[in-house]
Amino acid sequence: MQISGIFNKSVIDSSLDKVNDIKMDQSAMGRMFGYGDIEILTASELGVNLFKKIDNPVKFKSALINAKEYLEHAPTPEAMPATDIKTDIPVMISKLADLRTQGVLTEDEFQQKKSELLSKL
């Protein structure tokens, strides 16, 4: 995220998966004092995000590359299997009955929830 402006604010956001390349420029003075410029080339409409005189640009660039690498190789969450709600309703009513037996639900609460579930059939 790149934010600029004092009175009028401009914000540029780029998704990590849209980053194509990262370029670092560091002058001799920048190397001595530990600052430099980072240019992030993206596939977004704007294309380039420029961060000038950031502290420790090598560490910043490495962190960005590592985060992008992790994102590309991170396991994707498994899709939940589609369930037929009509087959789940009797199971849910049975669980409600158990809660009623244990004293967690009153008879009125049980009947109300049971009616709600049966209306979904």
PDB file of N, CA and C in Angstrom:
ATOM      1  N   MET A   1       0.850  -1.153   0.000  1.00  0.00           N
ATOM      2  CA  MET A   1       0.000   0.000   0.000  1.00  0.00           C
ATOM      3  C   MET A   1       0.902   1.223   0.000  1.00  0.00           C
ATOM      4  N   GLN A   2       0.616   2.139  -0.878  1.00  0.00           N
ATOM      5  CA  GLN A   2       1.403   3.360  -0.968  1.00  0.00           C
ATOM      6  C   GLN A   2       0.467   4.532  -0.726  1.00  0.00           C
ATOM      7  N   ILE A   3       0.776   5.344   0.290  1.00  0.00           N
ATOM      8  CA  ILE A   3      -0.058   6.487   0.652  1.00  0.00           C
ATOM      9  C   ILE A   3       0.772   7.742   0.456  1.00  0.00           C
ATOM     10  N   SER A   4       0.167   8.750  -0.185  1.00  0.00           N
ATOM     11  CA  SER A   4       0.874  10.011  -0.359  1.00  0.00           C
ATOM     12  C   SER A   4      -0.092  11.165  -0.136  1.00  0.00           C
ATOM     13  N   GLY A   5       0.451  12.314   0.203  1.00  0.00           N
ATOM     14  CA  GLY A   5      -0.351  13.513   0.391  1.00  0.00           C
ATOM     15  C   GLY A   5      -0.563  13.847   1.846  1.00  0.00           C
ATOM     16  N   ILE A   6      -0.717  15.139   2.119  1.00  0.00           N
ATOM     17  CA  ILE A   6      -0.980  15.604   3.475  1.00  0.00           C
ATOM     18  C   ILE A   6      -2.432  16.039   3.582  1.00  0.00           C
ATOM     19  N   PHE A   7      -2.848  16.959   2.721  1.00  0.00           N
ATOM     20  CA  PHE A   7      -4.229  17.430   2.747  1.00  0.00           C
ATOM     21  C   PHE A   7      -5.122  16.540   1.895  1.00  0.00           C
ATOM     22  N   ASN A   8      -4.681  16.250   0.696  1.00  0.00           N
ATOM     23  CA  ASN A   8      -5.389  15.317  -0.182  1.00  0.00           C
ATOM     24  C   ASN A   8      -4.616  14.010  -0.155  1.00  0.00           C
ATOM     25  N   LYS A   9      -5.296  12.944   0.146  1.00  0.00           N
ATOM     26  CA  LYS A   9      -4.618  11.659   0.298  1.00  0.00           C
ATOM     27  C   LYS A   9      -4.829  10.804  -0.945  1.00  0.00           C
ATOM     28  N   SER A  10      -3.773  10.151  -1.375  1.00  0.00           N
ATOM     29  CA  SER A  10      -3.820   9.220  -2.495  1.00  0.00           C
ATOM     30  C   SER A  10      -3.281   7.881  -2.008  1.00  0.00           C
ATOM     31  N   VAL A  11      -4.045   6.813  -2.238  1.00  0.00           N
ATOM     32  CA  VAL A  11      -3.650   5.484  -1.779  1.00  0.00           C
ATOM     33  C   VAL A  11      -3.592   4.546  -2.977  1.00  0.00           C
ATOM     34  N   ILE A  12      -2.495   3.804  -3.091  1.00  0.00           N
ATOM     35  CA  ILE A  12      -2.346   2.804  -4.145  1.00  0.00           C
ATOM     36  C   ILE A  12      -2.207   1.449  -3.471  1.00  0.00           C
ATOM     37  N   ASP A  13      -3.103   0.540  -3.788  1.00  0.00           N
ATOM     38  CA  ASP A  13      -3.048  -0.829  -3.266  1.00  0.00           C
ATOM     39  C   ASP A  13      -2.738  -1.776  -4.409  1.00  0.00           C
ATOM     40  N   SER A  14      -1.874  -2.717  -4.152  1.00  0.00           N
ATOM     41  CA  SER A  14      -1.590  -3.761  -5.131  1.00  0.00           C
ATOM     42  C   SER A  14      -1.631  -5.101  -4.427  1.00  0.00           C
ATOM     43  N   SER A  15      -2.339  -6.024  -5.007  1.00  0.00           N
ATOM     44  CA  SER A  15      -2.421  -7.362  -4.444  1.00  0.00           C
ATOM     45  C   SER A  15      -1.088  -8.071  -4.658  1.00  0.00           C
ATOM     46  N   LEU A  16      -0.685  -8.845  -3.664  1.00  0.00           N
ATOM     47  CA  LEU A  16       0.603  -9.534  -3.728  1.00  0.00           C
ATOM     48  C   LEU A  16       0.688 -10.488  -4.916  1.00  0.00           C
ATOM     49  N   ASP A  17      -0.434 -11.095  -5.279  1.00  0.00           N
ATOM     50  CA  ASP A  17      -0.400 -12.026  -6.408  1.00  0.00           C
ATOM     51  C   ASP A  17      -0.259 -11.309  -7.748  1.00  0.00           C
ATOM     52  N   LYS A  18      -0.430  -9.981  -7.763  1.00  0.00           N
ATOM     53  CA  LYS A  18      -0.270  -9.209  -9.000  1.00  0.00           C
ATOM     54  C   LYS A  18       1.154  -8.691  -9.196  1.00  0.00           C
ATOM     55  N   VAL A  19       2.013  -8.879  -8.209  1.00  0.00           N
ATOM     56  CA  VAL A  19       3.395  -8.391  -8.308  1.00  0.00           C
ATOM     57  C   VAL A  19       4.156  -9.228  -9.326  1.00  0.00           C
ATOM     58  N   ASN A  20       4.720  -8.546 -10.328  1.00  0.00           N
ATOM     59  CA  ASN A  20       5.494  -9.226 -11.369  1.00  0.00           C
ATOM     60  C   ASN A  20       6.994  -9.157 -11.108  1.00  0.00           C
ATOM     61  N   ASP A  21       7.455  -8.010 -10.631  1.00  0.00           N
ATOM     62  CA  ASP A  21       8.889  -7.825 -10.452  1.00  0.00           C
ATOM     63  C   ASP A  21       9.132  -6.771  -9.378  1.00  0.00           C
ATOM     64  N   ILE A  22      10.288  -6.841  -8.751  1.00  0.00           N
ATOM     65  CA  ILE A  22      10.661  -5.884  -7.715  1.00  0.00           C
ATOM     66  C   ILE A  22      12.061  -5.382  -8.040  1.00  0.00           C
ATOM     67  N   LYS A  23      12.192  -4.075  -8.182  1.00  0.00           N
ATOM     68  CA  LYS A  23      13.475  -3.472  -8.527  1.00  0.00           C
ATOM     69  C   LYS A  23      13.934  -2.602  -7.361  1.00  0.00           C
ATOM     70  N   MET A  24      15.202  -2.733  -7.003  1.00  0.00           N
ATOM     71  CA  MET A  24      15.756  -1.934  -5.920  1.00  0.00           C
ATOM     72  C   MET A  24      16.900  -1.086  -6.452  1.00  0.00           C
ATOM     73  N   ASP A  25      16.889   0.191  -6.111  1.00  0.00           N
ATOM     74  CA  ASP A  25      17.992   1.096  -6.437  1.00  0.00           C
ATOM     75  C   ASP A  25      18.527   1.660  -5.134  1.00  0.00           C
ATOM     76  N   GLN A  26      19.856   1.613  -4.987  1.00  0.00           N
ATOM     77  CA  GLN A  26      20.469   2.129  -3.776  1.00  0.00           C
ATOM     78  C   GLN A  26      21.744   2.867  -4.159  1.00  0.00           C
ATOM     79  N   SER A  27      21.792   4.152  -3.863  1.00  0.00           N
ATOM     80  CA  SER A  27      22.980   4.953  -4.155  1.00  0.00           C
ATOM     81  C   SER A  27      24.081   4.606  -3.152  1.00  0.00           C
ATOM     82  N   ALA A  28      25.274   5.142  -3.398  1.00  0.00           N
ATOM     83  CA  ALA A  28      26.385   4.917  -2.465  1.00  0.00           C
ATOM     84  C   ALA A  28      26.030   5.479  -1.090  1.00  0.00           C
ATOM     85  N   MET A  29      25.396   6.647  -1.076  1.00  0.00           N
ATOM     86  CA  MET A  29      24.973   7.258   0.183  1.00  0.00           C
ATOM     87  C   MET A  29      23.899   6.388   0.846  1.00  0.00           C
ATOM     88  N   GLY A  30      23.002   5.844   0.028  1.00  0.00           N
ATOM     89  CA  GLY A  30      21.957   4.965   0.536  1.00  0.00           C
ATOM     90  C   GLY A  30      22.532   3.698   1.153  1.00  0.00           C
ATOM     91  N   ARG A  31      23.572   3.149   0.529  1.00  0.00           N
ATOM     92  CA  ARG A  31      24.213   1.955   1.086  1.00  0.00           C
ATOM     93  C   ARG A  31      24.878   2.262   2.425  1.00  0.00           C
ATOM     94  N   MET A  32      25.478   3.451   2.537  1.00  0.00           N
ATOM     95  CA  MET A  32      26.136   3.827   3.789  1.00  0.00           C
ATOM     96  C   MET A  32      25.121   4.016   4.924  1.00  0.00           C
ATOM     97  N   PHE A  33      23.977   4.599   4.599  1.00  0.00           N
ATOM     98  CA  PHE A  33      22.994   4.910   5.641  1.00  0.00           C
ATOM     99  C   PHE A  33      21.803   3.952   5.667  1.00  0.00           C
ATOM    100  N   GLY A  34      21.811   2.942   4.800  1.00  0.00           N
ATOM    101  CA  GLY A  34      20.795   1.891   4.846  1.00  0.00           C
ATOM    102  C   GLY A  34      19.429   2.247   4.304  1.00  0.00           C
ATOM    103  N   TYR A  35      19.375   3.066   3.249  1.00  0.00           N
ATOM    104  CA  TYR A  35      18.088   3.365   2.631  1.00  0.00           C
ATOM    105  C   TYR A  35      18.197   3.193   1.122  1.00  0.00           C
ATOM    106  N   GLY A  36      17.061   3.123   0.464  1.00  0.00           N
ATOM    107  CA  GLY A  36      17.044   2.972  -0.985  1.00  0.00           C
ATOM    108  C   GLY A  36      15.629   3.058  -1.519  1.00  0.00           C
ATOM    109  N   ASP A  37      15.514   2.932  -2.832  1.00  0.00           N
ATOM    110  CA  ASP A  37      14.214   3.000  -3.504  1.00  0.00           C
ATOM    111  C   ASP A  37      13.802   1.604  -3.951  1.00  0.00           C
ATOM    112  N   ILE A  38      12.538   1.308  -3.792  1.00  0.00           N
ATOM    113  CA  ILE A  38      11.969   0.042  -4.256  1.00  0.00           C
ATOM    114  C   ILE A  38      10.886   0.366  -5.270  1.00  0.00           C
ATOM    115  N   GLU A  39      10.957  -0.289  -6.408  1.00  0.00           N
ATOM    116  CA  GLU A  39       9.951  -0.136  -7.455  1.00  0.00           C
ATOM    117  C   GLU A  39       9.281  -1.496  -7.641  1.00  0.00           C
ATOM    118  N   ILE A  40       7.975  -1.531  -7.421  1.00  0.00           N
ATOM    119  CA  ILE A  40       7.222  -2.778  -7.534  1.00  0.00           C
ATOM    120  C   ILE A  40       6.404  -2.721  -8.816  1.00  0.00           C
ATOM    121  N   LEU A  41       6.717  -3.623  -9.731  1.00  0.00           N
ATOM    122  CA  LEU A  41       6.004  -3.691 -11.004  1.00  0.00           C
ATOM    123  C   LEU A  41       4.873  -4.698 -10.861  1.00  0.00           C
ATOM    124  N   THR A  42       3.652  -4.247 -11.172  1.00  0.00           N
ATOM    125  CA  THR A  42       2.485  -5.104 -10.988  1.00  0.00           C
ATOM    126  C   THR A  42       1.687  -5.237 -12.270  1.00  0.00           C
ATOM    127  N   ALA A  43       0.760  -6.178 -12.234  1.00  0.00           N
ATOM    128  CA  ALA A  43      -0.143  -6.383 -13.363  1.00  0.00           C
ATOM    129  C   ALA A  43      -1.410  -5.551 -13.202  1.00  0.00           C
ATOM    130  N   SER A  44      -1.431  -4.646 -12.233  1.00  0.00           N
ATOM    131  CA  SER A  44      -2.613  -3.810 -12.026  1.00  0.00           C
ATOM    132  C   SER A  44      -2.635  -2.687 -13.051  1.00  0.00           C
ATOM    133  N   GLU A  45      -3.677  -1.877 -12.990  1.00  0.00           N
ATOM    134  CA  GLU A  45      -3.831  -0.775 -13.943  1.00  0.00           C
ATOM    135  C   GLU A  45      -2.682   0.225 -13.840  1.00  0.00           C
ATOM    136  N   LEU A  46      -2.234   0.499 -12.627  1.00  0.00           N
ATOM    137  CA  LEU A  46      -1.184   1.491 -12.435  1.00  0.00           C
ATOM    138  C   LEU A  46       0.183   0.972 -12.833  1.00  0.00           C
ATOM    139  N   GLY A  47       0.418  -0.306 -12.639  1.00  0.00           N
ATOM    140  CA  GLY A  47       1.641  -0.927 -13.118  1.00  0.00           C
ATOM    141  C   GLY A  47       2.853  -0.799 -12.235  1.00  0.00           C
ATOM    142  N   VAL A  48       3.110   0.387 -11.655  1.00  0.00           N
ATOM    143  CA  VAL A  48       4.331   0.596 -10.884  1.00  0.00           C
ATOM    144  C   VAL A  48       4.007   1.298  -9.569  1.00  0.00           C
ATOM    145  N   ASN A  49       4.542   0.761  -8.489  1.00  0.00           N
ATOM    146  CA  ASN A  49       4.499   1.433  -7.184  1.00  0.00           C
ATOM    147  C   ASN A  49       5.933   1.770  -6.830  1.00  0.00           C
ATOM    148  N   LEU A  50       6.215   3.026  -6.554  1.00  0.00           N
ATOM    149  CA  LEU A  50       7.571   3.460  -6.229  1.00  0.00           C
ATOM    150  C   LEU A  50       7.622   3.908  -4.775  1.00  0.00           C
ATOM    151  N   PHE A  51       8.493   3.287  -4.015  1.00  0.00           N
ATOM    152  CA  PHE A  51       8.709   3.655  -2.622  1.00  0.00           C
ATOM    153  C   PHE A  51      10.106   4.247  -2.531  1.00  0.00           C
ATOM    154  N   LYS A  52      10.196   5.529  -2.236  1.00  0.00           N
ATOM    155  CA  LYS A  52      11.482   6.221  -2.210  1.00  0.00           C
ATOM    156  C   LYS A  52      12.054   6.271  -0.797  1.00  0.00           C
ATOM    157  N   LYS A  53      13.356   6.085  -0.728  1.00  0.00           N
ATOM    158  CA  LYS A  53      14.142   6.226   0.496  1.00  0.00           C
ATOM    159  C   LYS A  53      13.556   5.445   1.669  1.00  0.00           C
ATOM    160  N   ILE A  54      13.296   4.162   1.437  1.00  0.00           N
ATOM    161  CA  ILE A  54      12.811   3.339   2.539  1.00  0.00           C
ATOM    162  C   ILE A  54      13.990   2.735   3.288  1.00  0.00           C
ATOM    163  N   ASP A  55      13.787   2.504   4.554  1.00  0.00           N
ATOM    164  CA  ASP A  55      14.819   1.936   5.416  1.00  0.00           C
ATOM    165  C   ASP A  55      15.035   0.465   5.075  1.00  0.00           C
ATOM    166  N   ASN A  56      16.269   0.061   4.993  1.00  0.00           N
ATOM    167  CA  ASN A  56      16.666  -1.329   4.742  1.00  0.00           C
ATOM    168  C   ASN A  56      15.924  -1.940   3.544  1.00  0.00           C
ATOM    169  N   PRO A  57      16.156  -1.435   2.344  1.00  0.00           N
ATOM    170  CA  PRO A  57      15.426  -1.906   1.168  1.00  0.00           C
ATOM    171  C   PRO A  57      15.708  -3.369   0.810  1.00  0.00           C
ATOM    172  N   VAL A  58      16.886  -3.869   1.144  1.00  0.00           N
ATOM    173  CA  VAL A  58      17.208  -5.272   0.848  1.00  0.00           C
ATOM    174  C   VAL A  58      16.301  -6.186   1.666  1.00  0.00           C
ATOM    175  N   LYS A  59      16.138  -5.869   2.941  1.00  0.00           N
ATOM    176  CA  LYS A  59      15.270  -6.659   3.814  1.00  0.00           C
ATOM    177  C   LYS A  59      13.814  -6.566   3.348  1.00  0.00           C
ATOM    178  N   PHE A  60      13.386  -5.362   2.957  1.00  0.00           N
ATOM    179  CA  PHE A  60      12.023  -5.166   2.464  1.00  0.00           C
ATOM    180  C   PHE A  60      11.777  -6.001   1.209  1.00  0.00           C
ATOM    181  N   LYS A  61      12.718  -5.943   0.276  1.00  0.00           N
ATOM    182  CA  LYS A  61      12.584  -6.703  -0.972  1.00  0.00           C
ATOM    183  C   LYS A  61      12.555  -8.201  -0.686  1.00  0.00           C
ATOM    184  N   SER A  62      13.429  -8.670   0.190  1.00  0.00           N
ATOM    185  CA  SER A  62      13.449 -10.098   0.538  1.00  0.00           C
ATOM    186  C   SER A  62      12.137 -10.532   1.176  1.00  0.00           C
ATOM    187  N   ALA A  63      11.607  -9.710   2.075  1.00  0.00           N
ATOM    188  CA  ALA A  63      10.338 -10.040   2.733  1.00  0.00           C
ATOM    189  C   ALA A  63       9.204 -10.103   1.719  1.00  0.00           C
ATOM    190  N   LEU A  64       9.205  -9.193   0.771  1.00  0.00           N
ATOM    191  CA  LEU A  64       8.170  -9.175  -0.265  1.00  0.00           C
ATOM    192  C   LEU A  64       8.273 -10.405  -1.162  1.00  0.00           C
ATOM    193  N   ILE A  65       9.474 -10.762  -1.548  1.00  0.00           N
ATOM    194  CA  ILE A  65       9.682 -11.950  -2.385  1.00  0.00           C
ATOM    195  C   ILE A  65       9.271 -13.209  -1.628  1.00  0.00           C
ATOM    196  N   ASN A  66       9.652 -13.303  -0.354  1.00  0.00           N
ATOM    197  CA  ASN A  66       9.282 -14.470   0.450  1.00  0.00           C
ATOM    198  C   ASN A  66       7.773 -14.581   0.625  1.00  0.00           C
ATOM    199  N   ALA A  67       7.105 -13.456   0.844  1.00  0.00           N
ATOM    200  CA  ALA A  67       5.647 -13.471   0.998  1.00  0.00           C
ATOM    201  C   ALA A  67       4.974 -13.901  -0.297  1.00  0.00           C
ATOM    202  N   LYS A  68       5.476 -13.413  -1.426  1.00  0.00           N
ATOM    203  CA  LYS A  68       4.911 -13.799  -2.724  1.00  0.00           C
ATOM    204  C   LYS A  68       5.136 -15.285  -2.978  1.00  0.00           C
ATOM    205  N   GLU A  69       6.320 -15.766  -2.649  1.00  0.00           N
ATOM    206  CA  GLU A  69       6.655 -17.184  -2.814  1.00  0.00           C
ATOM    207  C   GLU A  69       5.742 -18.051  -1.948  1.00  0.00           C
ATOM    208  N   TYR A  70       5.520 -17.627  -0.707  1.00  0.00           N
ATOM    209  CA  TYR A  70       4.639 -18.372   0.192  1.00  0.00           C
ATOM    210  C   TYR A  70       3.219 -18.406  -0.365  1.00  0.00           C
ATOM    211  N   LEU A  71       2.753 -17.263  -0.862  1.00  0.00           N
ATOM    212  CA  LEU A  71       1.402 -17.181  -1.418  1.00  0.00           C
ATOM    213  C   LEU A  71       1.235 -18.128  -2.599  1.00  0.00           C
ATOM    214  N   GLU A  72       2.248 -18.218  -3.440  1.00  0.00           N
ATOM    215  CA  GLU A  72       2.162 -19.074  -4.624  1.00  0.00           C
ATOM    216  C   GLU A  72       2.177 -20.555  -4.275  1.00  0.00           C
ATOM    217  N   HIS A  73       2.820 -20.914  -3.160  1.00  0.00           N
ATOM    218  CA  HIS A  73       2.943 -22.324  -2.803  1.00  0.00           C
ATOM    219  C   HIS A  73       2.109 -22.720  -1.588  1.00  0.00           C
ATOM    220  N   ALA A  74       1.316 -21.798  -1.082  1.00  0.00           N
ATOM    221  CA  ALA A  74       0.481 -22.104   0.086  1.00  0.00           C
ATOM    222  C   ALA A  74      -0.605 -23.093  -0.307  1.00  0.00           C
ATOM    223  N   PRO A  75      -0.908 -24.017   0.584  1.00  0.00           N
ATOM    224  CA  PRO A  75      -1.972 -24.979   0.269  1.00  0.00           C
ATOM    225  C   PRO A  75      -3.317 -24.264   0.186  1.00  0.00           C
ATOM    226  N   THR A  76      -4.102 -24.667  -0.777  1.00  0.00           N
ATOM    227  CA  THR A  76      -5.427 -24.074  -0.921  1.00  0.00           C
ATOM    228  C   THR A  76      -6.392 -24.803  -0.001  1.00  0.00           C
ATOM    229  N   PRO A  77      -7.309 -24.071   0.600  1.00  0.00           N
ATOM    230  CA  PRO A  77      -8.262 -24.738   1.485  1.00  0.00           C
ATOM    231  C   PRO A  77      -9.152 -25.686   0.697  1.00  0.00           C
ATOM    232  N   GLU A  78      -9.395 -26.843   1.293  1.00  0.00           N
ATOM    233  CA  GLU A  78     -10.243 -27.816   0.617  1.00  0.00           C
ATOM    234  C   GLU A  78     -11.683 -27.338   0.639  1.00  0.00           C
ATOM    235  N   ALA A  79     -12.366 -27.584  -0.452  1.00  0.00           N
ATOM    236  CA  ALA A  79     -13.769 -27.201  -0.537  1.00  0.00           C
ATOM    237  C   ALA A  79     -14.589 -28.115   0.365  1.00  0.00           C
ATOM    238  N   MET A  80     -15.543 -27.513   1.022  1.00  0.00           N
ATOM    239  CA  MET A  80     -16.431 -28.301   1.872  1.00  0.00           C
ATOM    240  C   MET A  80     -17.332 -29.141   0.976  1.00  0.00           C
ATOM    241  N   PRO A  81     -17.522 -30.399   1.318  1.00  0.00           N
ATOM    242  CA  PRO A  81     -18.397 -31.224   0.492  1.00  0.00           C
ATOM    243  C   PRO A  81     -19.832 -30.723   0.585  1.00  0.00           C
ATOM    244  N   ALA A  82     -20.502 -30.771  -0.533  1.00  0.00           N
ATOM    245  CA  ALA A  82     -21.898 -30.350  -0.561  1.00  0.00           C
ATOM    246  C   ALA A  82     -22.725 -31.343   0.239  1.00  0.00           C
ATOM    247  N   THR A  83     -23.539 -30.805   1.113  1.00  0.00           N
ATOM    248  CA  THR A  83     -24.385 -31.681   1.915  1.00  0.00           C
ATOM    249  C   THR A  83     -25.834 -31.425   1.573  1.00  0.00           C
ATOM    250  N   ASP A  84     -26.598 -32.457   1.668  1.00  0.00           N
ATOM    251  CA  ASP A  84     -28.027 -32.345   1.426  1.00  0.00           C
ATOM    252  C   ASP A  84     -28.676 -31.989   2.749  1.00  0.00           C
ATOM    253  N   ILE A  85     -29.219 -30.790   2.825  1.00  0.00           N
ATOM    254  CA  ILE A  85     -29.774 -30.320   4.091  1.00  0.00           C
ATOM    255  C   ILE A  85     -30.917 -31.200   4.574  1.00  0.00           C
ATOM    256  N   LYS A  86     -31.620 -31.816   3.648  1.00  0.00           N
ATOM    257  CA  LYS A  86     -32.752 -32.660   4.045  1.00  0.00           C
ATOM    258  C   LYS A  86     -32.281 -33.891   4.813  1.00  0.00           C
ATOM    259  N   THR A  87     -31.096 -34.401   4.495  1.00  0.00           N
ATOM    260  CA  THR A  87     -30.582 -35.559   5.235  1.00  0.00           C
ATOM    261  C   THR A  87     -29.971 -35.132   6.560  1.00  0.00           C
ATOM    262  N   ASP A  88     -29.562 -33.876   6.678  1.00  0.00           N
ATOM    263  CA  ASP A  88     -28.976 -33.383   7.919  1.00  0.00           C
ATOM    264  C   ASP A  88     -30.029 -33.015   8.962  1.00  0.00           C
ATOM    265  N   ILE A  89     -31.232 -32.688   8.538  1.00  0.00           N
ATOM    266  CA  ILE A  89     -32.261 -32.224   9.470  1.00  0.00           C
ATOM    267  C   ILE A  89     -32.599 -33.270  10.529  1.00  0.00           C
ATOM    268  N   PRO A  90     -32.812 -34.533  10.177  1.00  0.00           N
ATOM    269  CA  PRO A  90     -33.083 -35.513  11.237  1.00  0.00           C
ATOM    270  C   PRO A  90     -31.933 -35.629  12.247  1.00  0.00           C
ATOM    271  N   VAL A  91     -30.708 -35.514  11.767  1.00  0.00           N
ATOM    272  CA  VAL A  91     -29.547 -35.564  12.661  1.00  0.00           C
ATOM    273  C   VAL A  91     -29.568 -34.358  13.596  1.00  0.00           C
ATOM    274  N   MET A  92     -29.891 -33.195  13.046  1.00  0.00           N
ATOM    275  CA  MET A  92     -29.943 -31.979  13.856  1.00  0.00           C
ATOM    276  C   MET A  92     -31.050 -32.070  14.910  1.00  0.00           C
ATOM    277  N   ILE A  93     -32.192 -32.625  14.532  1.00  0.00           N
ATOM    278  CA  ILE A  93     -33.293 -32.783  15.492  1.00  0.00           C
ATOM    279  C   ILE A  93     -32.876 -33.743  16.603  1.00  0.00           C
ATOM    280  N   SER A  94     -32.164 -34.789  16.231  1.00  0.00           N
ATOM    281  CA  SER A  94     -31.673 -35.744  17.225  1.00  0.00           C
ATOM    282  C   SER A  94     -30.716 -35.070  18.212  1.00  0.00           C
ATOM    283  N   LYS A  95     -29.848 -34.200  17.699  1.00  0.00           N
ATOM    284  CA  LYS A  95     -28.917 -33.476  18.571  1.00  0.00           C
ATOM    285  C   LYS A  95     -29.669 -32.516  19.485  1.00  0.00           C
ATOM    286  N   LEU A  96     -30.702 -31.873  18.934  1.00  0.00           N
ATOM    287  CA  LEU A  96     -31.529 -30.992  19.764  1.00  0.00           C
ATOM    288  C   LEU A  96     -32.210 -31.779  20.880  1.00  0.00           C
ATOM    289  N   ALA A  97     -32.684 -32.988  20.547  1.00  0.00           N
ATOM    290  CA  ALA A  97     -33.339 -33.837  21.551  1.00  0.00           C
ATOM    291  C   ALA A  97     -32.352 -34.203  22.656  1.00  0.00           C
ATOM    292  N   ASP A  98     -31.103 -34.474  22.274  1.00  0.00           N
ATOM    293  CA  ASP A  98     -30.077 -34.771  23.276  1.00  0.00           C
ATOM    294  C   ASP A  98     -29.856 -33.571  24.201  1.00  0.00           C
ATOM    295  N   LEU A  99     -29.841 -32.373  23.611  1.00  0.00           N
ATOM    296  CA  LEU A  99     -29.662 -31.163  24.414  1.00  0.00           C
ATOM    297  C   LEU A  99     -30.846 -30.957  25.362  1.00  0.00           C
ATOM    298  N   ARG A 100     -32.035 -31.300  24.896  1.00  0.00           N
ATOM    299  CA  ARG A 100     -33.231 -31.198  25.739  1.00  0.00           C
ATOM    300  C   ARG A 100     -33.124 -32.185  26.903  1.00  0.00           C
ATOM    301  N   THR A 101     -32.695 -33.413  26.599  1.00  0.00           N
ATOM    302  CA  THR A 101     -32.547 -34.447  27.626  1.00  0.00           C
ATOM    303  C   THR A 101     -31.515 -34.036  28.679  1.00  0.00           C
ATOM    304  N   GLN A 102     -30.454 -33.361  28.226  1.00  0.00           N
ATOM    305  CA  GLN A 102     -29.395 -32.925  29.143  1.00  0.00           C
ATOM    306  C   GLN A 102     -29.800 -31.688  29.946  1.00  0.00           C
ATOM    307  N   GLY A 103     -30.939 -31.097  29.584  1.00  0.00           N
ATOM    308  CA  GLY A 103     -31.407 -29.916  30.301  1.00  0.00           C
ATOM    309  C   GLY A 103     -30.868 -28.609  29.759  1.00  0.00           C
ATOM    310  N   VAL A 104     -30.161 -28.663  28.622  1.00  0.00           N
ATOM    311  CA  VAL A 104     -29.617 -27.449  28.020  1.00  0.00           C
ATOM    312  C   VAL A 104     -30.739 -26.649  27.365  1.00  0.00           C
ATOM    313  N   LEU A 105     -31.682 -27.346  26.729  1.00  0.00           N
ATOM    314  CA  LEU A 105     -32.835 -26.711  26.087  1.00  0.00           C
ATOM    315  C   LEU A 105     -34.104 -27.051  26.858  1.00  0.00           C
ATOM    316  N   THR A 106     -35.013 -26.084  26.903  1.00  0.00           N
ATOM    317  CA  THR A 106     -36.330 -26.373  27.475  1.00  0.00           C
ATOM    318  C   THR A 106     -37.171 -27.064  26.413  1.00  0.00           C
ATOM    319  N   GLU A 107     -38.304 -27.601  26.830  1.00  0.00           N
ATOM    320  CA  GLU A 107     -39.215 -28.253  25.878  1.00  0.00           C
ATOM    321  C   GLU A 107     -39.692 -27.252  24.829  1.00  0.00           C
ATOM    322  N   ASP A 108     -40.008 -26.033  25.250  1.00  0.00           N
ATOM    323  CA  ASP A 108     -40.470 -25.005  24.304  1.00  0.00           C
ATOM    324  C   ASP A 108     -39.382 -24.652  23.290  1.00  0.00           C
ATOM    325  N   GLU A 109     -38.129 -24.489  23.771  1.00  0.00           N
ATOM    326  CA  GLU A 109     -37.018 -24.182  22.864  1.00  0.00           C
ATOM    327  C   GLU A 109     -36.811 -25.326  21.875  1.00  0.00           C
ATOM    328  N   PHE A 110     -36.892 -26.550  22.370  1.00  0.00           N
ATOM    329  CA  PHE A 110     -36.738 -27.716  21.501  1.00  0.00           C
ATOM    330  C   PHE A 110     -37.808 -27.726  20.411  1.00  0.00           C
ATOM    331  N   GLN A 111     -39.066 -27.527  20.806  1.00  0.00           N
ATOM    332  CA  GLN A 111     -40.169 -27.557  19.840  1.00  0.00           C
ATOM    333  C   GLN A 111     -40.035 -26.431  18.812  1.00  0.00           C
ATOM    334  N   GLN A 112     -39.596 -25.258  19.247  1.00  0.00           N
ATOM    335  CA  GLN A 112     -39.427 -24.124  18.332  1.00  0.00           C
ATOM    336  C   GLN A 112     -38.347 -24.434  17.296  1.00  0.00           C
ATOM    337  N   LYS A 113     -37.187 -24.908  17.737  1.00  0.00           N
ATOM    338  CA  LYS A 113     -36.091 -25.221  16.811  1.00  0.00           C
ATOM    339  C   LYS A 113     -36.459 -26.395  15.906  1.00  0.00           C
ATOM    340  N   LYS A 114     -37.157 -27.359  16.452  1.00  0.00           N
ATOM    341  CA  LYS A 114     -37.594 -28.507  15.659  1.00  0.00           C
ATOM    342  C   LYS A 114     -38.535 -28.046  14.548  1.00  0.00           C
ATOM    343  N   SER A 115     -39.462 -27.146  14.867  1.00  0.00           N
ATOM    344  CA  SER A 115     -40.390 -26.611  13.859  1.00  0.00           C
ATOM    345  C   SER A 115     -39.642 -25.848  12.772  1.00  0.00           C
ATOM    346  N   GLU A 116     -38.633 -25.058  13.184  1.00  0.00           N
ATOM    347  CA  GLU A 116     -37.828 -24.310  12.205  1.00  0.00           C
ATOM    348  C   GLU A 116     -37.122 -25.267  11.246  1.00  0.00           C
ATOM    349  N   LEU A 117     -36.556 -26.327  11.785  1.00  0.00           N
ATOM    350  CA  LEU A 117     -35.851 -27.298  10.938  1.00  0.00           C
ATOM    351  C   LEU A 117     -36.812 -28.031  10.011  1.00  0.00           C
ATOM    352  N   LEU A 118     -37.956 -28.440  10.539  1.00  0.00           N
ATOM    353  CA  LEU A 118     -38.922 -29.171   9.711  1.00  0.00           C
ATOM    354  C   LEU A 118     -39.487 -28.296   8.599  1.00  0.00           C
ATOM    355  N   SER A 119     -39.545 -26.992   8.819  1.00  0.00           N
ATOM    356  CA  SER A 119     -40.054 -26.093   7.772  1.00  0.00           C
ATOM    357  C   SER A 119     -39.092 -26.006   6.585  1.00  0.00           C
ATOM    358  N   LYS A 120     -37.846 -26.401   6.786  1.00  0.00           N
ATOM    359  CA  LYS A 120     -36.851 -26.364   5.705  1.00  0.00           C
ATOM    360  C   LYS A 120     -36.920 -27.590   4.804  1.00  0.00           C
ATOM    361  N   LEU A 121     -37.689 -28.599   5.216  1.00  0.00           N
ATOM    362  CA  LEU A 121     -37.796 -29.821   4.397  1.00  0.00           C
ATOM    363  C   LEU A 121     -38.591 -29.590   3.144  1.00  0.00           C
TER     364      LEU A 121
END
